[in-house]
Protein backbone atom coordinates (compact mmCIF):
# COMPACT_ATOMS: atom_id res chain seq x y z
CA MET A 1 43.43 -20.79 15.35
CA SER A 2 40.75 -19.97 17.85
CA GLU A 3 38.21 -17.84 16.22
CA GLU A 4 37.85 -14.28 17.61
CA ILE A 5 34.57 -13.42 19.28
CA TYR A 6 33.81 -9.94 20.50
CA LEU A 7 31.42 -8.63 22.59
CA MET A 8 30.31 -4.76 21.96
CA LYS A 9 27.24 -2.69 20.96
CA GLY A 10 25.95 -2.65 17.40
CA ASN A 11 27.29 0.95 17.27
CA GLU A 12 30.75 -0.35 18.01
CA ALA A 13 30.56 -2.52 15.44
CA VAL A 14 30.17 -0.70 12.94
CA ALA A 15 33.16 1.59 13.62
CA HIS A 16 35.48 -1.71 14.28
CA ALA A 17 34.43 -3.01 10.64
CA ALA A 18 35.17 0.70 9.00
CA ILE A 19 38.47 0.49 10.40
CA ARG A 20 39.36 -3.35 9.49
CA LEU A 21 37.46 -2.76 6.12
CA GLY A 22 39.97 0.15 5.07
CA VAL A 23 37.86 2.87 4.85
CA ASP A 24 38.96 6.04 3.90
CA GLY A 25 37.40 8.83 6.15
CA TYR A 26 34.39 9.24 8.38
CA PHE A 27 32.95 12.65 8.68
CA GLY A 28 30.01 13.01 11.48
CA TYR A 29 28.19 14.70 14.14
CA PRO A 30 27.49 13.28 17.59
CA ILE A 31 23.32 12.59 18.48
CA THR A 32 21.99 10.21 20.78
CA PRO A 33 21.58 6.95 19.98
CA GLN A 34 24.47 6.90 17.68
CA SER A 35 27.05 8.58 19.29
CA GLU A 36 29.11 5.36 19.90
CA ILE A 37 30.00 5.02 16.14
CA LEU A 38 31.91 8.52 16.44
CA GLU A 39 33.55 8.08 19.66
CA THR A 40 34.87 4.52 19.06
CA LEU A 41 36.59 5.64 15.99
CA MET A 42 38.09 8.53 17.99
CA ALA A 43 39.14 6.35 20.77
CA GLU A 44 40.81 3.57 17.99
CA ALA A 45 42.67 6.33 16.47
CA PRO A 46 42.68 4.62 13.36
CA TRP A 47 44.62 7.98 11.68
CA LYS A 48 47.48 6.32 13.36
CA THR A 49 47.57 2.66 12.09
CA THR A 50 45.23 2.67 8.63
CA GLY A 51 45.31 6.60 7.85
CA MET A 52 41.53 6.92 7.83
CA VAL A 53 39.97 10.24 8.66
CA VAL A 54 37.98 10.87 11.25
CA LEU A 55 36.55 14.34 11.65
CA GLN A 56 33.87 15.87 14.08
CA ALA A 57 31.92 18.25 11.71
CA GLU A 58 30.44 21.46 12.73
CA SER A 59 27.04 19.87 11.83
CA GLU A 60 25.12 17.04 9.87
CA THR A 61 25.11 19.35 6.96
CA ALA A 62 28.95 20.04 7.08
CA SER A 63 29.48 16.21 7.51
CA ILE A 64 27.08 15.11 4.46
CA ASN A 65 29.12 17.85 2.03
CA MET A 66 32.63 16.33 3.54
CA VAL A 67 31.24 13.06 2.51
CA TYR A 68 30.30 14.54 -1.17
CA GLY A 69 33.63 15.56 -1.45
CA GLY A 70 35.52 12.56 -0.28
CA ALA A 71 33.22 10.46 -2.55
CA GLY A 72 33.91 12.51 -5.68
CA CYS A 73 37.69 11.52 -5.22
CA GLY A 74 36.34 7.73 -5.40
CA LYS A 75 37.32 7.69 -1.74
CA ALA A 76 35.32 5.06 0.62
CA VAL A 77 33.41 7.51 3.16
CA MET A 78 30.85 7.17 5.40
CA THR A 79 28.66 9.49 7.68
CA SER A 80 26.15 8.19 10.77
CA SER A 81 23.76 10.39 12.74
CA SER A 82 20.10 9.96 13.98
CA SER A 83 16.82 10.86 12.63
CA PRO A 84 17.21 14.75 12.96
CA GLY A 85 20.27 14.76 12.20
CA LEU A 86 19.49 13.09 8.68
CA SER A 87 16.72 15.50 8.29
CA LEU A 88 19.43 17.75 7.70
CA MET A 89 21.53 15.67 5.38
CA GLN A 90 18.75 15.20 2.74
CA GLU A 91 19.80 17.99 0.39
CA GLY A 92 23.30 15.92 0.39
CA LEU A 93 22.18 12.60 -0.19
CA SER A 94 19.93 13.76 -3.37
CA TYR A 95 23.27 15.47 -4.53
CA LEU A 96 25.15 12.17 -3.78
CA ALA A 97 22.50 10.16 -5.71
CA ALA A 98 22.30 12.86 -8.83
CA GLY A 99 26.06 12.57 -8.82
CA SER A 100 26.21 8.70 -8.65
CA LEU A 101 28.59 8.89 -5.77
CA PRO A 102 29.41 5.61 -3.50
CA CYS A 103 29.28 6.29 0.19
CA LEU A 104 27.51 4.29 3.20
CA VAL A 105 25.44 6.46 5.56
CA ILE A 106 23.98 4.94 8.65
CA ASN A 107 20.76 6.14 10.71
CA VAL A 108 20.12 5.08 13.93
CA MET A 109 16.50 5.88 14.65
CA ARG A 110 14.86 7.37 17.33
CA GLY A 111 11.51 8.57 18.34
CA GLY A 112 10.20 11.58 16.39
CA PRO A 113 8.99 13.76 15.18
CA GLY A 114 10.94 16.76 15.91
CA LEU A 115 13.94 16.33 18.27
CA GLY A 116 11.80 13.83 20.01
CA THR A 117 13.25 11.12 22.23
CA ILE A 118 16.58 9.32 22.27
CA GLN A 119 14.65 5.75 22.57
CA PRO A 120 14.13 3.33 19.56
CA SER A 121 12.06 4.16 16.44
CA GLN A 122 11.59 2.92 12.92
CA SER A 123 9.90 6.19 11.93
CA ASP A 124 12.18 6.96 9.25
CA TYR A 125 11.23 4.36 6.97
CA PHE A 126 8.91 6.73 4.57
CA GLN A 127 12.28 9.23 4.76
CA THR A 128 14.64 6.65 3.64
CA VAL A 129 13.05 4.63 1.20
CA LYS A 130 10.60 7.16 -0.28
CA GLY A 131 13.51 9.42 -1.08
CA GLY A 132 13.70 12.53 1.84
CA GLY A 133 15.33 14.71 -0.41
CA HIS A 134 14.37 16.28 -3.80
CA GLY A 135 13.95 14.39 -7.15
CA ASP A 136 13.77 10.98 -8.38
CA TYR A 137 16.26 9.25 -6.69
CA LYS A 138 16.33 6.05 -4.94
CA MET A 139 19.01 4.58 -2.09
CA VAL A 140 20.15 0.83 -1.21
CA THR A 141 18.41 0.70 2.28
CA LEU A 142 19.74 -2.17 4.33
CA ALA A 143 18.30 -3.22 7.57
CA PRO A 144 20.37 -5.15 9.98
CA ALA A 145 18.43 -7.21 12.85
CA SER A 146 21.83 -7.86 15.06
CA VAL A 147 25.03 -6.64 16.19
CA GLN A 148 26.25 -9.34 13.69
CA GLU A 149 24.65 -7.90 10.76
CA MET A 150 25.63 -4.06 11.76
CA SER A 151 29.20 -5.22 11.10
CA ASP A 152 28.55 -7.05 8.33
CA PHE A 153 26.14 -4.68 6.55
CA VAL A 154 29.14 -1.79 6.42
CA GLY A 155 31.48 -4.19 4.13
CA LEU A 156 28.11 -5.18 2.16
CA GLY A 157 27.22 -1.49 1.70
CA PHE A 158 30.06 -0.42 0.29
CA GLU A 159 30.46 -3.17 -2.18
CA LEU A 160 26.99 -2.34 -3.18
CA ALA A 161 27.43 1.36 -3.05
CA PHE A 162 30.70 0.78 -5.51
CA LYS A 163 29.12 -1.92 -7.59
CA HIS A 164 25.95 0.71 -8.65
CA SER A 165 27.57 4.25 -8.24
CA THR A 166 25.18 5.01 -5.36
CA PRO A 167 24.76 5.98 -2.09
CA VAL A 168 23.82 3.12 0.58
CA MET A 169 21.71 3.77 3.89
CA ILE A 170 21.99 1.34 6.73
CA LEU A 171 18.64 2.10 8.52
CA THR A 172 18.86 0.69 12.39
CA ASP A 173 17.02 1.85 15.37
CA GLY A 174 18.51 2.68 18.85
CA VAL A 175 17.84 -1.13 19.99
CA ILE A 176 20.39 -2.82 17.52
CA GLY A 177 23.06 0.17 17.73
CA GLN A 178 22.80 0.21 21.71
CA MET A 179 22.44 -3.67 22.85
CA MET A 180 25.49 -5.97 23.22
CA GLU A 181 25.72 -9.13 21.45
CA LYS A 182 28.50 -11.70 20.47
CA VAL A 183 30.36 -10.40 16.55
CA LYS A 184 33.02 -11.70 14.70
CA LEU A 185 34.63 -8.49 13.18
CA PRO A 186 35.82 -8.86 9.27
CA GLU A 187 39.09 -9.43 8.67
CA PHE A 188 41.82 -6.71 8.01
CA ARG A 189 41.94 -5.00 4.70
CA ARG A 190 44.34 -2.35 3.85
CA ARG A 191 43.07 1.30 2.38
CA ARG A 192 42.93 1.35 -1.97
CA THR A 193 46.04 2.87 -3.27
CA GLU A 194 45.32 6.10 -5.36
CA GLU A 195 46.51 3.94 -8.43
CA GLU A 196 43.63 1.12 -7.39
CA ILE A 197 41.08 4.23 -6.69
CA ARG A 198 41.89 5.65 -10.00
CA LYS A 199 41.27 1.93 -11.62
CA GLN A 200 38.54 1.41 -9.98
CA CYS A 201 36.73 4.74 -10.32
CA PRO A 202 37.95 6.31 -13.55
CA TRP A 203 35.43 8.94 -12.96
CA ALA A 204 36.91 10.36 -9.55
CA THR A 205 38.39 13.74 -9.20
CA LEU A 206 41.92 13.09 -8.19
CA GLY A 207 43.51 15.26 -10.51
CA LYS A 208 44.18 15.10 -14.45
CA THR A 209 45.77 12.43 -16.01
CA PRO A 210 47.93 13.50 -19.56
CA ASP A 211 45.56 10.64 -21.04
CA ARG A 212 42.25 11.91 -20.23
CA LYS A 213 40.06 14.96 -20.09
CA PRO A 214 39.14 16.71 -16.69
CA ASN A 215 36.60 14.66 -14.76
CA ILE A 216 33.87 16.82 -13.62
CA ILE A 217 31.25 15.83 -11.22
CA THR A 218 28.10 18.47 -11.02
CA THR A 219 24.45 17.53 -10.20
CA LEU A 220 23.63 21.06 -12.15
CA GLU A 221 22.24 20.78 -15.87
CA LEU A 222 20.20 23.39 -17.20
CA ASP A 223 19.18 21.90 -20.10
CA ALA A 224 15.76 20.13 -19.41
CA HIS A 225 16.41 17.53 -22.26
CA ALA A 226 19.84 16.80 -20.78
CA MET A 227 18.35 16.66 -16.84
CA GLU A 228 15.59 13.82 -18.56
CA ARG A 229 18.52 11.96 -20.12
CA ILE A 230 20.13 11.98 -16.42
CA ASN A 231 16.81 10.77 -14.91
CA ILE A 232 16.30 7.82 -17.19
CA ASN A 233 19.75 6.59 -16.35
CA LEU A 234 19.49 6.85 -12.83
CA GLN A 235 15.84 5.11 -13.48
CA GLU A 236 17.74 2.59 -15.50
CA LYS A 237 20.28 1.89 -12.63
CA TYR A 238 17.35 1.25 -10.33
CA ARG A 239 15.76 -1.33 -12.30
CA LYS A 240 18.99 -3.21 -12.45
CA ILE A 241 19.39 -2.74 -8.90
CA GLU A 242 15.79 -4.02 -7.79
CA GLU A 243 16.54 -7.40 -10.19
CA SER A 244 19.41 -8.08 -8.53
CA GLU A 245 19.98 -6.84 -4.62
CA ILE A 246 16.68 -8.02 -3.02
CA ARG A 247 17.33 -9.54 0.40
CA TYR A 248 14.99 -10.95 2.71
CA GLN A 249 14.52 -13.85 5.28
CA GLU A 250 12.37 -16.40 5.54
CA ILE A 251 11.61 -17.78 9.04
CA ASP A 252 8.98 -20.48 9.48
CA CYS A 253 7.29 -20.23 6.44
CA ASP A 254 6.50 -23.41 5.49
CA ASP A 255 3.48 -24.13 7.11
CA MET A 256 1.32 -20.64 8.39
CA ASP A 257 -1.77 -19.16 8.59
CA TYR A 258 -0.71 -15.80 9.23
CA LEU A 259 2.47 -14.03 7.86
CA ILE A 260 4.13 -11.39 10.16
CA VAL A 261 6.48 -8.88 8.06
CA ALA A 262 8.92 -6.99 10.34
CA PHE A 263 12.74 -5.50 9.75
CA GLY A 264 15.17 -4.58 12.49
CA SER A 265 14.70 -5.52 16.03
CA ALA A 266 11.05 -5.46 15.33
CA ALA A 267 11.56 -8.97 13.37
CA ARG A 268 13.18 -10.39 16.49
CA ILE A 269 10.57 -9.16 18.75
CA SER A 270 8.38 -10.92 15.94
CA GLN A 271 10.18 -14.19 16.13
CA LYS A 272 9.19 -14.99 19.77
CA ALA A 273 5.56 -13.59 19.24
CA ALA A 274 5.54 -16.35 16.36
CA GLU A 275 6.56 -18.95 19.15
CA LEU A 276 4.05 -17.99 21.71
CA ALA A 277 1.25 -17.80 18.98
CA LYS A 278 2.19 -21.35 18.06
CA ALA A 279 2.00 -22.51 21.26
CA GLU A 280 -1.71 -21.74 21.33
CA GLY A 281 -1.91 -23.53 18.23
CA ILE A 282 -1.48 -20.50 15.58
CA LYS A 283 0.44 -20.78 12.78
CA VAL A 284 2.68 -17.80 11.96
CA GLY A 285 5.86 -17.16 9.68
CA ILE A 286 7.81 -14.20 9.28
CA ILE A 287 8.97 -12.67 6.42
CA ARG A 288 12.25 -10.25 7.56
CA PRO A 289 12.85 -7.59 4.49
CA ILE A 290 17.04 -7.07 4.83
CA THR A 291 16.50 -4.49 1.98
CA LEU A 292 14.28 -1.96 2.25
CA TRP A 293 14.90 -0.87 -1.06
CA PRO A 294 14.89 -2.44 -3.09
CA TYR A 295 12.03 -4.62 -1.37
CA PRO A 296 10.75 -7.86 -1.27
CA SER A 297 7.57 -7.16 -2.76
CA ASP A 298 7.64 -10.76 -4.91
CA ILE A 299 7.85 -12.85 -2.09
CA ILE A 300 5.43 -10.97 0.14
CA ASN A 301 2.77 -11.30 -3.24
CA GLN A 302 3.45 -14.98 -3.23
CA TYR A 303 2.88 -16.02 0.28
CA ALA A 304 -0.29 -13.49 0.31
CA SER A 305 -1.86 -16.66 -1.66
CA LYS A 306 -1.17 -19.00 1.24
CA VAL A 307 -2.12 -16.92 4.20
CA LYS A 308 -5.12 -15.82 5.99
CA GLY A 309 -3.82 -12.55 7.01
CA ILE A 310 -0.54 -10.31 7.06
CA LEU A 311 0.52 -8.49 10.13
CA THR A 312 3.40 -5.72 9.78
CA VAL A 313 5.11 -4.65 13.20
CA GLU A 314 7.00 -1.51 13.33
CA PHE A 315 8.20 1.14 15.85
CA ASN A 316 5.92 3.57 14.14
CA ALA A 317 2.31 4.52 13.02
CA GLY A 318 2.51 2.62 10.10
CA GLN A 319 4.91 3.18 7.28
CA MET A 320 6.12 -0.13 5.54
CA VAL A 321 2.47 -1.32 5.90
CA GLU A 322 2.02 0.40 3.03
CA ASP A 323 4.59 -1.68 0.86
CA VAL A 324 3.29 -4.40 1.97
CA ARG A 325 -0.37 -3.44 0.85
CA LEU A 326 0.96 -2.78 -2.60
CA ALA A 327 2.82 -6.31 -2.91
CA VAL A 328 -0.17 -8.06 -1.43
CA ASN A 329 -2.48 -6.45 -4.15
CA GLY A 330 -5.94 -7.39 -2.28
CA LYS A 331 -5.53 -10.71 -1.77
CA VAL A 332 -5.71 -10.76 2.01
CA PRO A 333 -6.26 -8.72 4.30
CA VAL A 334 -3.17 -6.45 6.07
CA GLU A 335 -2.92 -4.95 9.13
CA HIS A 336 -0.23 -2.86 11.09
CA PHE A 337 0.75 -2.80 15.16
CA GLY A 338 3.49 -0.49 16.57
CA ARG A 339 4.37 1.68 19.07
CA LEU A 340 5.18 5.32 18.85
CA GLY A 341 7.18 7.74 20.52
CA GLY A 342 10.21 5.21 21.65
CA ILE A 343 8.09 2.54 23.48
CA ILE A 344 9.15 -1.25 22.14
CA PRO A 345 6.31 -3.45 21.74
CA THR A 346 6.60 -6.79 23.76
CA PRO A 347 5.81 -10.16 21.94
CA PHE A 348 2.60 -10.56 24.09
CA GLU A 349 1.62 -7.15 22.24
CA VAL A 350 2.36 -8.83 19.06
CA VAL A 351 0.38 -11.88 19.77
CA SER A 352 -2.72 -9.89 21.05
CA ALA A 353 -2.49 -7.49 17.97
CA LEU A 354 -2.60 -10.59 15.72
CA LYS A 355 -5.69 -11.88 16.98
CA GLN A 356 -7.55 -8.68 17.45
CA LYS A 357 -6.53 -7.42 13.92
CA LEU A 358 -6.76 -10.62 12.05
CA ILE A 359 -8.27 -13.51 13.85
CA LYS A 360 -10.96 -11.67 16.02
């Protein structure tokens, strides 16, 4: 049997993957450059085939709270938006993290601040990995660099969300969301039955059974000592995630004088830049963080002892560069190159920045 290969946008791949993986519900609100996720789901009408709920909420605030309700019932639920929409979801994300509720959130970043532009950006890095909402919480964050990974990370995102009882973010940008590439979609998987959900998620608020006390999910605790214990438990969970879920890609790192660290579409541009640099006799390797949290600090620290300098390439004013500097701890110079407002840098600009900032 021949393999089915499709040509579609990254946003469309997310929607098709969600249907095929047996997701229970999507709640969202349209905003460019991610509107195709909701549009594709509406066009495919999975409520007729799998029973998946697809609902356009009245706002991003409403949609994240609908996710909170669905996640509290142990359902596989998700939402998506773009930068200013995610800003409206931050309180709800903090509640989801505090309640240890699994869900998937997708941010197809656009230029900011404010309403900004609909062009691509990576300027929501701080908001996502440093915790945009209140309190000491973390979110597992996956950074796809292709349409195939947009599809694959839907399954991986839900796997990690239920494994660790935590919200998971797919943090991408308008380049990956809008561009079209070949993609192999996941095999169809039926939605879980209520009995299976009760077994997998004994904490779910699906209604009390005679053999247990009522399940209560709340993020409110008026006793400070009890609230501290909740926080300590969360931090212990985050430590376990950091020990087991770090993902990254090494590209041409065997023989290099300089290292580029970049994620998402910036990493793809950096790969071409490395080829151009190599043609000029400049040996460049690339580390592509796939998890932005937990961050691959150790591998970057190891390579810091083997290179003359590190350049981060980001579509922002310099955000991930701070985590790279923390990882390197002063071993070698770490510089940043980026374009702002939705402008995508060229590989030639990256090579030029490498020469100006590190080689001189």
